[in-house]
Amino acid sequence: LRELSGKMAEIKAVIKNALSDAVKEIVNVVITHSILKIQAEKKYSPDTLGEELKEKLHLIVGTKPAHMKLEIKGEDGKVLRTMDDKDKLGSMPKLDGFCHVYVVDVDPHKTMLEFTDVSRVKKFEISEKKYEARKDTFRKWAKTNLKDHYKKKQDEKQKKEEELKGEEEKEFKISEEMKKGDRCQIGSGTEFPRRGEIAYIGKIKGKTGTFIGIELDEPFGKNDGSTGGKLYFKCLPKCGVFVKPSAVEVGDFPEEDIFEEL
């Protein structure tokens, strides 16, 4: 039994040493690519030649071996050296136990860009007129099979447009009771009412309906009488504001004296 136990110990030692040597004979490789956003880790024999490594990397990055240039990079991204076809992987510089192999794609046709640059992909385009003339489109199918759905959407849109039109007509009628030069106040009933004088009545660029342009007594507005790049009336900066007619109260609102209470 003692003899058998000794033999087993010797066998375990041999296996352990063999495994240890095998681990030492492996190079940990980090793989990156000049076009593809890829980072992979593989293990290769230190005896792997550059030309052999290219064949293996082709299955990982897709670039053909003939269009590969292998660069060994350091921690700061600088190229330490180029790995030629007859160079052995084990002779390449390593950092923290890893060899960083950067695959430079030198394909003159830039084939790999087709996987990353969507502008190079040919797109099917058709004019609105030709699309409408076709019979097998989703639009035609939807109009037939989703008729109730589209009708509901159209009814909702029409109702909203009618409500908006009604509001605009209401605002216009209110504005007809106002004129330039009228003293007014906005924000009545709030903690911060503002007084001023009506300087403009009408439409403004980029907005629907009627607006009232007011020159405020104090610089608590938003502009100098201009909005959307167009000047509607002149006033000091921050003394101009545009609001809907329903937000304006016309009446006896004299300019307040800020020193009155002092």
C-alpha atoms as a PDB file:
ATOM      1  CA  LEU A   1       0.000   0.000   0.000  1.00  0.00           C
ATOM      2  CA  ARG A   2       2.865   2.356   0.842  1.00  0.00           C
ATOM      3  CA  GLU A   3       4.470   1.617  -2.524  1.00  0.00           C
ATOM      4  CA  LEU A   4       1.143   2.222  -4.340  1.00  0.00           C
ATOM      5  CA  SER A   5       0.604   5.459  -2.424  1.00  0.00           C
ATOM      6  CA  GLY A   6       4.061   6.640  -3.454  1.00  0.00           C
ATOM      7  CA  LYS A   7       3.400   5.850  -7.101  1.00  0.00           C
ATOM      8  CA  MET A   8       0.129   7.825  -6.984  1.00  0.00           C
ATOM      9  CA  ALA A   9       1.931  10.827  -5.516  1.00  0.00           C
ATOM     10  CA  GLU A  10       4.514  10.680  -8.311  1.00  0.00           C
ATOM     11  CA  ILE A  11       1.750  10.503 -10.948  1.00  0.00           C
ATOM     12  CA  LYS A  12      -0.054  13.522  -9.408  1.00  0.00           C
ATOM     13  CA  ALA A  13       3.193  15.496  -9.397  1.00  0.00           C
ATOM     14  CA  VAL A  14       3.827  14.684 -13.073  1.00  0.00           C
ATOM     15  CA  ILE A  15       0.269  15.708 -14.035  1.00  0.00           C
ATOM     16  CA  LYS A  16       0.535  18.924 -12.005  1.00  0.00           C
ATOM     17  CA  ASN A  17       3.827  19.854 -13.645  1.00  0.00           C
ATOM     18  CA  ALA A  18       2.438  19.052 -17.095  1.00  0.00           C
ATOM     19  CA  LEU A  19      -0.618  21.253 -16.492  1.00  0.00           C
ATOM     20  CA  SER A  20       1.590  24.024 -15.123  1.00  0.00           C
ATOM     21  CA  ASP A  21       3.806  23.879 -18.218  1.00  0.00           C
ATOM     22  CA  ALA A  22       0.728  23.890 -20.458  1.00  0.00           C
ATOM     23  CA  VAL A  23      -0.604  27.035 -18.770  1.00  0.00           C
ATOM     24  CA  LYS A  24       2.777  28.711 -19.191  1.00  0.00           C
ATOM     25  CA  GLU A  25       2.692  27.825 -22.874  1.00  0.00           C
ATOM     26  CA  ILE A  26      -0.514  29.864 -23.475  1.00  0.00           C
ATOM     27  CA  VAL A  27      -0.641  33.541 -24.482  1.00  0.00           C
ATOM     28  CA  ASN A  28      -3.689  35.561 -23.448  1.00  0.00           C
ATOM     29  CA  VAL A  29      -4.643  37.824 -26.356  1.00  0.00           C
ATOM     30  CA  VAL A  30      -6.957  40.863 -26.410  1.00  0.00           C
ATOM     31  CA  ILE A  31      -8.264  41.526 -29.932  1.00  0.00           C
ATOM     32  CA  THR A  32      -9.557  44.873 -31.233  1.00  0.00           C
ATOM     33  CA  HIS A  33     -10.303  46.134 -34.742  1.00  0.00           C
ATOM     34  CA  SER A  34      -9.754  49.377 -36.663  1.00  0.00           C
ATOM     35  CA  ILE A  35     -13.321  49.483 -38.036  1.00  0.00           C
ATOM     36  CA  LEU A  36     -15.536  47.201 -35.978  1.00  0.00           C
ATOM     37  CA  LYS A  37     -16.291  48.072 -32.363  1.00  0.00           C
ATOM     38  CA  ILE A  38     -15.157  44.705 -31.086  1.00  0.00           C
ATOM     39  CA  GLN A  39     -13.053  43.488 -28.180  1.00  0.00           C
ATOM     40  CA  ALA A  40     -12.467  39.782 -27.700  1.00  0.00           C
ATOM     41  CA  GLU A  41     -10.174  37.668 -25.545  1.00  0.00           C
ATOM     42  CA  LYS A  42      -8.597  34.439 -26.796  1.00  0.00           C
ATOM     43  CA  LYS A  43      -5.789  32.081 -25.806  1.00  0.00           C
ATOM     44  CA  TYR A  44      -3.178  30.942 -28.320  1.00  0.00           C
ATOM     45  CA  SER A  45       0.084  29.033 -28.353  1.00  0.00           C
ATOM     46  CA  PRO A  46       3.202  31.231 -28.148  1.00  0.00           C
ATOM     47  CA  ASP A  47       4.470  29.390 -31.249  1.00  0.00           C
ATOM     48  CA  THR A  48       1.574  30.757 -33.334  1.00  0.00           C
ATOM     49  CA  LEU A  49       2.988  32.629 -36.316  1.00  0.00           C
ATOM     50  CA  GLY A  50       1.605  35.923 -37.545  1.00  0.00           C
ATOM     51  CA  GLU A  51       0.184  34.344 -40.702  1.00  0.00           C
ATOM     52  CA  GLU A  52      -1.497  31.619 -38.616  1.00  0.00           C
ATOM     53  CA  LEU A  53      -2.917  34.171 -36.220  1.00  0.00           C
ATOM     54  CA  LYS A  54      -4.458  36.103 -39.120  1.00  0.00           C
ATOM     55  CA  GLU A  55      -6.328  32.971 -40.208  1.00  0.00           C
ATOM     56  CA  LYS A  56      -7.714  32.542 -36.689  1.00  0.00           C
ATOM     57  CA  LEU A  57      -8.621  36.239 -36.386  1.00  0.00           C
ATOM     58  CA  HIS A  58     -10.478  36.124 -39.703  1.00  0.00           C
ATOM     59  CA  LEU A  59     -13.175  34.018 -38.006  1.00  0.00           C
ATOM     60  CA  ILE A  60     -13.492  36.640 -35.258  1.00  0.00           C
ATOM     61  CA  VAL A  61     -13.322  40.015 -37.008  1.00  0.00           C
ATOM     62  CA  GLY A  62     -14.250  39.108 -40.594  1.00  0.00           C
ATOM     63  CA  THR A  63     -11.358  40.895 -42.290  1.00  0.00           C
ATOM     64  CA  LYS A  64      -9.549  38.693 -44.801  1.00  0.00           C
ATOM     65  CA  PRO A  65      -5.977  37.714 -43.783  1.00  0.00           C
ATOM     66  CA  ALA A  66      -4.594  39.377 -46.928  1.00  0.00           C
ATOM     67  CA  HIS A  67      -6.135  42.673 -45.786  1.00  0.00           C
ATOM     68  CA  MET A  68      -4.836  42.497 -42.204  1.00  0.00           C
ATOM     69  CA  LYS A  69      -2.024  44.372 -40.550  1.00  0.00           C
ATOM     70  CA  LEU A  70      -1.353  43.264 -36.971  1.00  0.00           C
ATOM     71  CA  GLU A  71      -0.176  45.870 -34.478  1.00  0.00           C
ATOM     72  CA  ILE A  72       0.764  45.222 -30.857  1.00  0.00           C
ATOM     73  CA  LYS A  73      -0.437  48.027 -28.613  1.00  0.00           C
ATOM     74  CA  GLY A  74       0.512  49.136 -25.114  1.00  0.00           C
ATOM     75  CA  GLU A  75      -1.601  50.404 -22.237  1.00  0.00           C
ATOM     76  CA  ASP A  76      -1.707  53.964 -23.582  1.00  0.00           C
ATOM     77  CA  GLY A  77      -2.825  52.805 -27.028  1.00  0.00           C
ATOM     78  CA  LYS A  78       0.541  53.425 -28.647  1.00  0.00           C
ATOM     79  CA  VAL A  79       1.825  50.886 -31.150  1.00  0.00           C
ATOM     80  CA  LEU A  80       4.708  48.940 -29.614  1.00  0.00           C
ATOM     81  CA  ARG A  81       5.533  47.005 -32.761  1.00  0.00           C
ATOM     82  CA  THR A  82       4.084  45.346 -35.867  1.00  0.00           C
ATOM     83  CA  MET A  83       3.667  41.578 -35.959  1.00  0.00           C
ATOM     84  CA  ASP A  84       4.885  40.173 -39.273  1.00  0.00           C
ATOM     85  CA  ASP A  85       3.772  36.851 -40.797  1.00  0.00           C
ATOM     86  CA  LYS A  86       6.835  34.946 -39.530  1.00  0.00           C
ATOM     87  CA  ASP A  87       6.869  36.482 -36.045  1.00  0.00           C
ATOM     88  CA  LYS A  88       5.881  34.213 -33.161  1.00  0.00           C
ATOM     89  CA  LEU A  89       3.141  35.355 -30.800  1.00  0.00           C
ATOM     90  CA  GLY A  90       5.267  34.461 -27.799  1.00  0.00           C
ATOM     91  CA  SER A  91       7.877  37.054 -28.814  1.00  0.00           C
ATOM     92  CA  MET A  92       5.372  39.916 -28.805  1.00  0.00           C
ATOM     93  CA  PRO A  93       5.263  42.482 -25.938  1.00  0.00           C
ATOM     94  CA  LYS A  94       2.747  41.796 -23.162  1.00  0.00           C
ATOM     95  CA  LEU A  95       1.109  43.963 -20.532  1.00  0.00           C
ATOM     96  CA  ASP A  96      -0.211  42.464 -17.297  1.00  0.00           C
ATOM     97  CA  GLY A  97      -0.083  39.026 -18.887  1.00  0.00           C
ATOM     98  CA  PHE A  98      -2.039  40.068 -21.987  1.00  0.00           C
ATOM     99  CA  CYS A  99      -0.943  40.736 -25.550  1.00  0.00           C
ATOM    100  CA  HIS A 100      -3.100  43.422 -27.216  1.00  0.00           C
ATOM    101  CA  VAL A 101      -3.419  42.625 -30.922  1.00  0.00           C
ATOM    102  CA  TYR A 102      -4.932  45.486 -32.936  1.00  0.00           C
ATOM    103  CA  VAL A 103      -6.206  44.359 -36.355  1.00  0.00           C
ATOM    104  CA  VAL A 104      -5.831  47.130 -38.932  1.00  0.00           C
ATOM    105  CA  ASP A 105      -8.136  46.626 -41.921  1.00  0.00           C
ATOM    106  CA  VAL A 106      -6.222  47.702 -45.052  1.00  0.00           C
ATOM    107  CA  ASP A 107      -8.852  46.553 -47.555  1.00  0.00           C
ATOM    108  CA  PRO A 108      -8.771  49.175 -50.363  1.00  0.00           C
ATOM    109  CA  HIS A 109     -12.513  48.647 -50.958  1.00  0.00           C
ATOM    110  CA  LYS A 110     -13.329  49.143 -47.240  1.00  0.00           C
ATOM    111  CA  THR A 111     -15.698  46.164 -47.348  1.00  0.00           C
ATOM    112  CA  MET A 112     -16.090  46.031 -43.564  1.00  0.00           C
ATOM    113  CA  LEU A 113     -17.620  49.520 -43.550  1.00  0.00           C
ATOM    114  CA  GLU A 114     -20.755  47.977 -45.024  1.00  0.00           C
ATOM    115  CA  PHE A 115     -21.398  46.509 -41.570  1.00  0.00           C
ATOM    116  CA  THR A 116     -21.006  49.825 -39.729  1.00  0.00           C
ATOM    117  CA  ASP A 117     -21.663  52.705 -42.168  1.00  0.00           C
ATOM    118  CA  VAL A 118     -25.383  52.646 -43.050  1.00  0.00           C
ATOM    119  CA  SER A 119     -24.864  55.420 -45.616  1.00  0.00           C
ATOM    120  CA  ARG A 120     -23.136  52.818 -47.826  1.00  0.00           C
ATOM    121  CA  VAL A 121     -26.199  50.571 -47.790  1.00  0.00           C
ATOM    122  CA  LYS A 122     -28.401  50.959 -50.849  1.00  0.00           C
ATOM    123  CA  LYS A 123     -31.930  51.857 -49.832  1.00  0.00           C
ATOM    124  CA  PHE A 124     -35.126  51.198 -51.721  1.00  0.00           C
ATOM    125  CA  GLU A 125     -36.805  54.500 -52.505  1.00  0.00           C
ATOM    126  CA  ILE A 126     -40.103  55.228 -54.215  1.00  0.00           C
ATOM    127  CA  SER A 127     -41.953  58.470 -54.907  1.00  0.00           C
ATOM    128  CA  GLU A 128     -45.239  59.228 -53.165  1.00  0.00           C
ATOM    129  CA  LYS A 129     -47.035  59.166 -56.528  1.00  0.00           C
ATOM    130  CA  LYS A 130     -45.704  55.710 -57.480  1.00  0.00           C
ATOM    131  CA  TYR A 131     -46.389  54.341 -53.990  1.00  0.00           C
ATOM    132  CA  GLU A 132     -49.974  55.563 -54.119  1.00  0.00           C
ATOM    133  CA  ALA A 133     -50.431  53.902 -57.543  1.00  0.00           C
ATOM    134  CA  ARG A 134     -49.446  50.483 -56.192  1.00  0.00           C
ATOM    135  CA  LYS A 135     -52.204  48.099 -55.093  1.00  0.00           C
ATOM    136  CA  ASP A 136     -50.292  45.899 -52.648  1.00  0.00           C
ATOM    137  CA  THR A 137     -49.186  48.515 -50.103  1.00  0.00           C
ATOM    138  CA  PHE A 138     -49.792  48.516 -46.367  1.00  0.00           C
ATOM    139  CA  ARG A 139     -51.487  51.895 -46.718  1.00  0.00           C
ATOM    140  CA  LYS A 140     -54.135  50.410 -49.027  1.00  0.00           C
ATOM    141  CA  TRP A 141     -54.600  47.426 -46.724  1.00  0.00           C
ATOM    142  CA  ALA A 142     -54.923  49.664 -43.675  1.00  0.00           C
ATOM    143  CA  LYS A 143     -57.518  51.906 -45.312  1.00  0.00           C
ATOM    144  CA  THR A 144     -59.644  48.827 -46.043  1.00  0.00           C
ATOM    145  CA  ASN A 145     -59.127  46.809 -42.869  1.00  0.00           C
ATOM    146  CA  LEU A 146     -58.673  49.620 -40.388  1.00  0.00           C
ATOM    147  CA  LYS A 147     -61.405  51.853 -41.741  1.00  0.00           C
ATOM    148  CA  ASP A 148     -63.105  52.335 -38.343  1.00  0.00           C
ATOM    149  CA  HIS A 149     -59.784  53.110 -36.693  1.00  0.00           C
ATOM    150  CA  TYR A 150     -58.907  55.771 -39.256  1.00  0.00           C
ATOM    151  CA  LYS A 151     -62.440  57.202 -39.139  1.00  0.00           C
ATOM    152  CA  LYS A 152     -62.155  57.611 -35.381  1.00  0.00           C
ATOM    153  CA  LYS A 153     -58.778  59.304 -35.766  1.00  0.00           C
ATOM    154  CA  GLN A 154     -60.167  61.607 -38.463  1.00  0.00           C
ATOM    155  CA  ASP A 155     -63.204  62.475 -36.332  1.00  0.00           C
ATOM    156  CA  GLU A 156     -60.979  63.291 -33.358  1.00  0.00           C
ATOM    157  CA  LYS A 157     -58.757  65.463 -35.549  1.00  0.00           C
ATOM    158  CA  GLN A 158     -61.742  67.276 -37.020  1.00  0.00           C
ATOM    159  CA  LYS A 159     -63.245  67.858 -33.561  1.00  0.00           C
ATOM    160  CA  LYS A 160     -59.970  69.252 -32.297  1.00  0.00           C
ATOM    161  CA  GLU A 161     -59.674  71.563 -35.301  1.00  0.00           C
ATOM    162  CA  GLU A 162     -63.233  72.811 -34.766  1.00  0.00           C
ATOM    163  CA  GLU A 163     -62.554  73.459 -31.069  1.00  0.00           C
ATOM    164  CA  LEU A 164     -59.378  75.325 -31.948  1.00  0.00           C
ATOM    165  CA  LYS A 165     -61.216  77.366 -34.574  1.00  0.00           C
ATOM    166  CA  GLY A 166     -63.913  78.204 -32.015  1.00  0.00           C
ATOM    167  CA  GLU A 167     -61.293  79.346 -29.509  1.00  0.00           C
ATOM    168  CA  GLU A 168     -59.574  81.493 -32.146  1.00  0.00           C
ATOM    169  CA  GLU A 169     -62.866  83.133 -33.089  1.00  0.00           C
ATOM    170  CA  LYS A 170     -63.568  83.815 -29.420  1.00  0.00           C
ATOM    171  CA  GLU A 171     -60.125  85.375 -28.932  1.00  0.00           C
ATOM    172  CA  PHE A 172     -60.580  87.500 -32.077  1.00  0.00           C
ATOM    173  CA  LYS A 173     -63.906  88.883 -30.808  1.00  0.00           C
ATOM    174  CA  ILE A 174     -62.273  89.814 -27.506  1.00  0.00           C
ATOM    175  CA  SER A 175     -59.454  91.581 -29.356  1.00  0.00           C
ATOM    176  CA  GLU A 176     -62.005  93.671 -31.300  1.00  0.00           C
ATOM    177  CA  GLU A 177     -62.855  95.431 -28.027  1.00  0.00           C
ATOM    178  CA  MET A 178     -59.228  96.563 -27.669  1.00  0.00           C
ATOM    179  CA  LYS A 179     -57.109  99.160 -29.435  1.00  0.00           C
ATOM    180  CA  LYS A 180     -53.505 100.306 -29.421  1.00  0.00           C
ATOM    181  CA  GLY A 181     -52.701 102.664 -26.578  1.00  0.00           C
ATOM    182  CA  ASP A 182     -55.194 101.074 -24.160  1.00  0.00           C
ATOM    183  CA  ARG A 183     -53.927 100.734 -20.623  1.00  0.00           C
ATOM    184  CA  CYS A 184     -54.138  97.134 -19.471  1.00  0.00           C
ATOM    185  CA  GLN A 185     -53.113  94.540 -16.934  1.00  0.00           C
ATOM    186  CA  ILE A 186     -52.159  90.865 -17.281  1.00  0.00           C
ATOM    187  CA  GLY A 187     -52.042  88.361 -14.467  1.00  0.00           C
ATOM    188  CA  SER A 188     -55.024  89.858 -12.675  1.00  0.00           C
ATOM    189  CA  GLY A 189     -55.904  87.809  -9.613  1.00  0.00           C
ATOM    190  CA  THR A 190     -52.360  86.521  -9.235  1.00  0.00           C
ATOM    191  CA  GLU A 191     -49.613  87.556  -6.830  1.00  0.00           C
ATOM    192  CA  PHE A 192     -47.709  89.233  -9.639  1.00  0.00           C
ATOM    193  CA  PRO A 193     -49.956  91.321 -11.934  1.00  0.00           C
ATOM    194  CA  ARG A 194     -48.183  93.377 -14.596  1.00  0.00           C
ATOM    195  CA  ARG A 195     -49.374  96.638 -16.103  1.00  0.00           C
ATOM    196  CA  GLY A 196     -48.651  98.193 -19.436  1.00  0.00           C
ATOM    197  CA  GLU A 197     -49.976  99.555 -22.709  1.00  0.00           C
ATOM    198  CA  ILE A 198     -51.271  97.686 -25.758  1.00  0.00           C
ATOM    199  CA  ALA A 199     -48.804  98.192 -28.612  1.00  0.00           C
ATOM    200  CA  TYR A 200     -49.879  95.522 -31.125  1.00  0.00           C
ATOM    201  CA  ILE A 201     -52.988  93.521 -32.053  1.00  0.00           C
ATOM    202  CA  GLY A 202     -52.881  90.771 -34.662  1.00  0.00           C
ATOM    203  CA  LYS A 203     -51.128  87.591 -35.736  1.00  0.00           C
ATOM    204  CA  ILE A 204     -47.501  86.697 -35.001  1.00  0.00           C
ATOM    205  CA  LYS A 205     -45.084  84.481 -36.912  1.00  0.00           C
ATOM    206  CA  GLY A 206     -45.195  80.775 -36.056  1.00  0.00           C
ATOM    207  CA  LYS A 207     -48.394  81.011 -33.973  1.00  0.00           C
ATOM    208  CA  THR A 208     -52.087  80.618 -34.761  1.00  0.00           C
ATOM    209  CA  GLY A 209     -54.798  83.057 -33.770  1.00  0.00           C
ATOM    210  CA  THR A 210     -54.745  86.634 -32.529  1.00  0.00           C
ATOM    211  CA  PHE A 211     -52.212  87.980 -30.057  1.00  0.00           C
ATOM    212  CA  ILE A 212     -51.880  91.157 -28.055  1.00  0.00           C
ATOM    213  CA  GLY A 213     -48.463  92.777 -27.853  1.00  0.00           C
ATOM    214  CA  ILE A 214     -47.970  94.741 -24.631  1.00  0.00           C
ATOM    215  CA  GLU A 215     -45.286  97.218 -23.629  1.00  0.00           C
ATOM    216  CA  LEU A 216     -44.969  96.669 -19.886  1.00  0.00           C
ATOM    217  CA  ASP A 217     -44.233  99.483 -17.446  1.00  0.00           C
ATOM    218  CA  GLU A 218     -41.456  97.428 -15.851  1.00  0.00           C
ATOM    219  CA  PRO A 219     -38.938  94.945 -17.331  1.00  0.00           C
ATOM    220  CA  PHE A 220     -40.818  91.796 -16.374  1.00  0.00           C
ATOM    221  CA  GLY A 221     -41.518  90.667 -19.951  1.00  0.00           C
ATOM    222  CA  LYS A 222     -39.777  88.421 -22.455  1.00  0.00           C
ATOM    223  CA  ASN A 223     -38.641  90.571 -25.378  1.00  0.00           C
ATOM    224  CA  ASP A 224     -38.234  94.024 -26.939  1.00  0.00           C
ATOM    225  CA  GLY A 225     -41.377  93.839 -29.034  1.00  0.00           C
ATOM    226  CA  SER A 226     -40.013  91.190 -31.383  1.00  0.00           C
ATOM    227  CA  THR A 227     -40.582  87.447 -31.579  1.00  0.00           C
ATOM    228  CA  GLY A 228     -39.704  84.779 -34.117  1.00  0.00           C
ATOM    229  CA  GLY A 229     -37.156  87.120 -35.673  1.00  0.00           C
ATOM    230  CA  LYS A 230     -39.745  89.807 -36.514  1.00  0.00           C
ATOM    231  CA  LEU A 231     -40.286  93.203 -34.826  1.00  0.00           C
ATOM    232  CA  TYR A 232     -43.946  94.080 -34.108  1.00  0.00           C
ATOM    233  CA  PHE A 233     -43.429  97.108 -31.870  1.00  0.00           C
ATOM    234  CA  LYS A 234     -40.520  98.845 -30.175  1.00  0.00           C
ATOM    235  CA  CYS A 235     -39.856  98.871 -26.445  1.00  0.00           C
ATOM    236  CA  LEU A 236     -37.024  98.430 -23.979  1.00  0.00           C
ATOM    237  CA  PRO A 237     -35.536  94.940 -23.508  1.00  0.00           C
ATOM    238  CA  LYS A 238     -37.654  92.678 -21.286  1.00  0.00           C
ATOM    239  CA  CYS A 239     -40.558  95.140 -21.456  1.00  0.00           C
ATOM    240  CA  GLY A 240     -42.365  93.358 -24.306  1.00  0.00           C
ATOM    241  CA  VAL A 241     -44.718  90.407 -24.083  1.00  0.00           C
ATOM    242  CA  PHE A 242     -47.280  88.683 -26.365  1.00  0.00           C
ATOM    243  CA  VAL A 243     -50.383  87.075 -24.858  1.00  0.00           C
ATOM    244  CA  LYS A 244     -53.831  85.891 -25.919  1.00  0.00           C
ATOM    245  CA  PRO A 245     -56.602  88.530 -25.751  1.00  0.00           C
ATOM    246  CA  SER A 246     -58.444  86.596 -23.020  1.00  0.00           C
ATOM    247  CA  ALA A 247     -55.417  87.081 -20.733  1.00  0.00           C
ATOM    248  CA  VAL A 248     -55.614  90.879 -21.025  1.00  0.00           C
ATOM    249  CA  GLU A 249     -57.771  93.112 -18.833  1.00  0.00           C
ATOM    250  CA  VAL A 250     -58.307  96.594 -20.259  1.00  0.00           C
ATOM    251  CA  GLY A 251     -59.188  99.412 -17.887  1.00  0.00           C
ATOM    252  CA  ASP A 252     -57.943 102.223 -15.686  1.00  0.00           C
ATOM    253  CA  PHE A 253     -54.513 100.863 -14.857  1.00  0.00           C
ATOM    254  CA  PRO A 254     -52.209 103.895 -14.475  1.00  0.00           C
ATOM    255  CA  GLU A 255     -48.475 103.370 -14.309  1.00  0.00           C
ATOM    256  CA  GLU A 256     -47.537 102.576 -10.721  1.00  0.00           C
ATOM    257  CA  ASP A 257     -45.016 104.724  -8.902  1.00  0.00           C
ATOM    258  CA  ILE A 258     -42.467 102.348  -7.379  1.00  0.00           C
ATOM    259  CA  PHE A 259     -41.415 105.089  -4.925  1.00  0.00           C
ATOM    260  CA  GLU A 260     -44.997 105.786  -3.765  1.00  0.00           C
ATOM    261  CA  GLU A 261     -44.742 103.705  -0.599  1.00  0.00           C
ATOM    262  CA  LEU A 262     -41.309 105.091   0.408  1.00  0.00           C
END
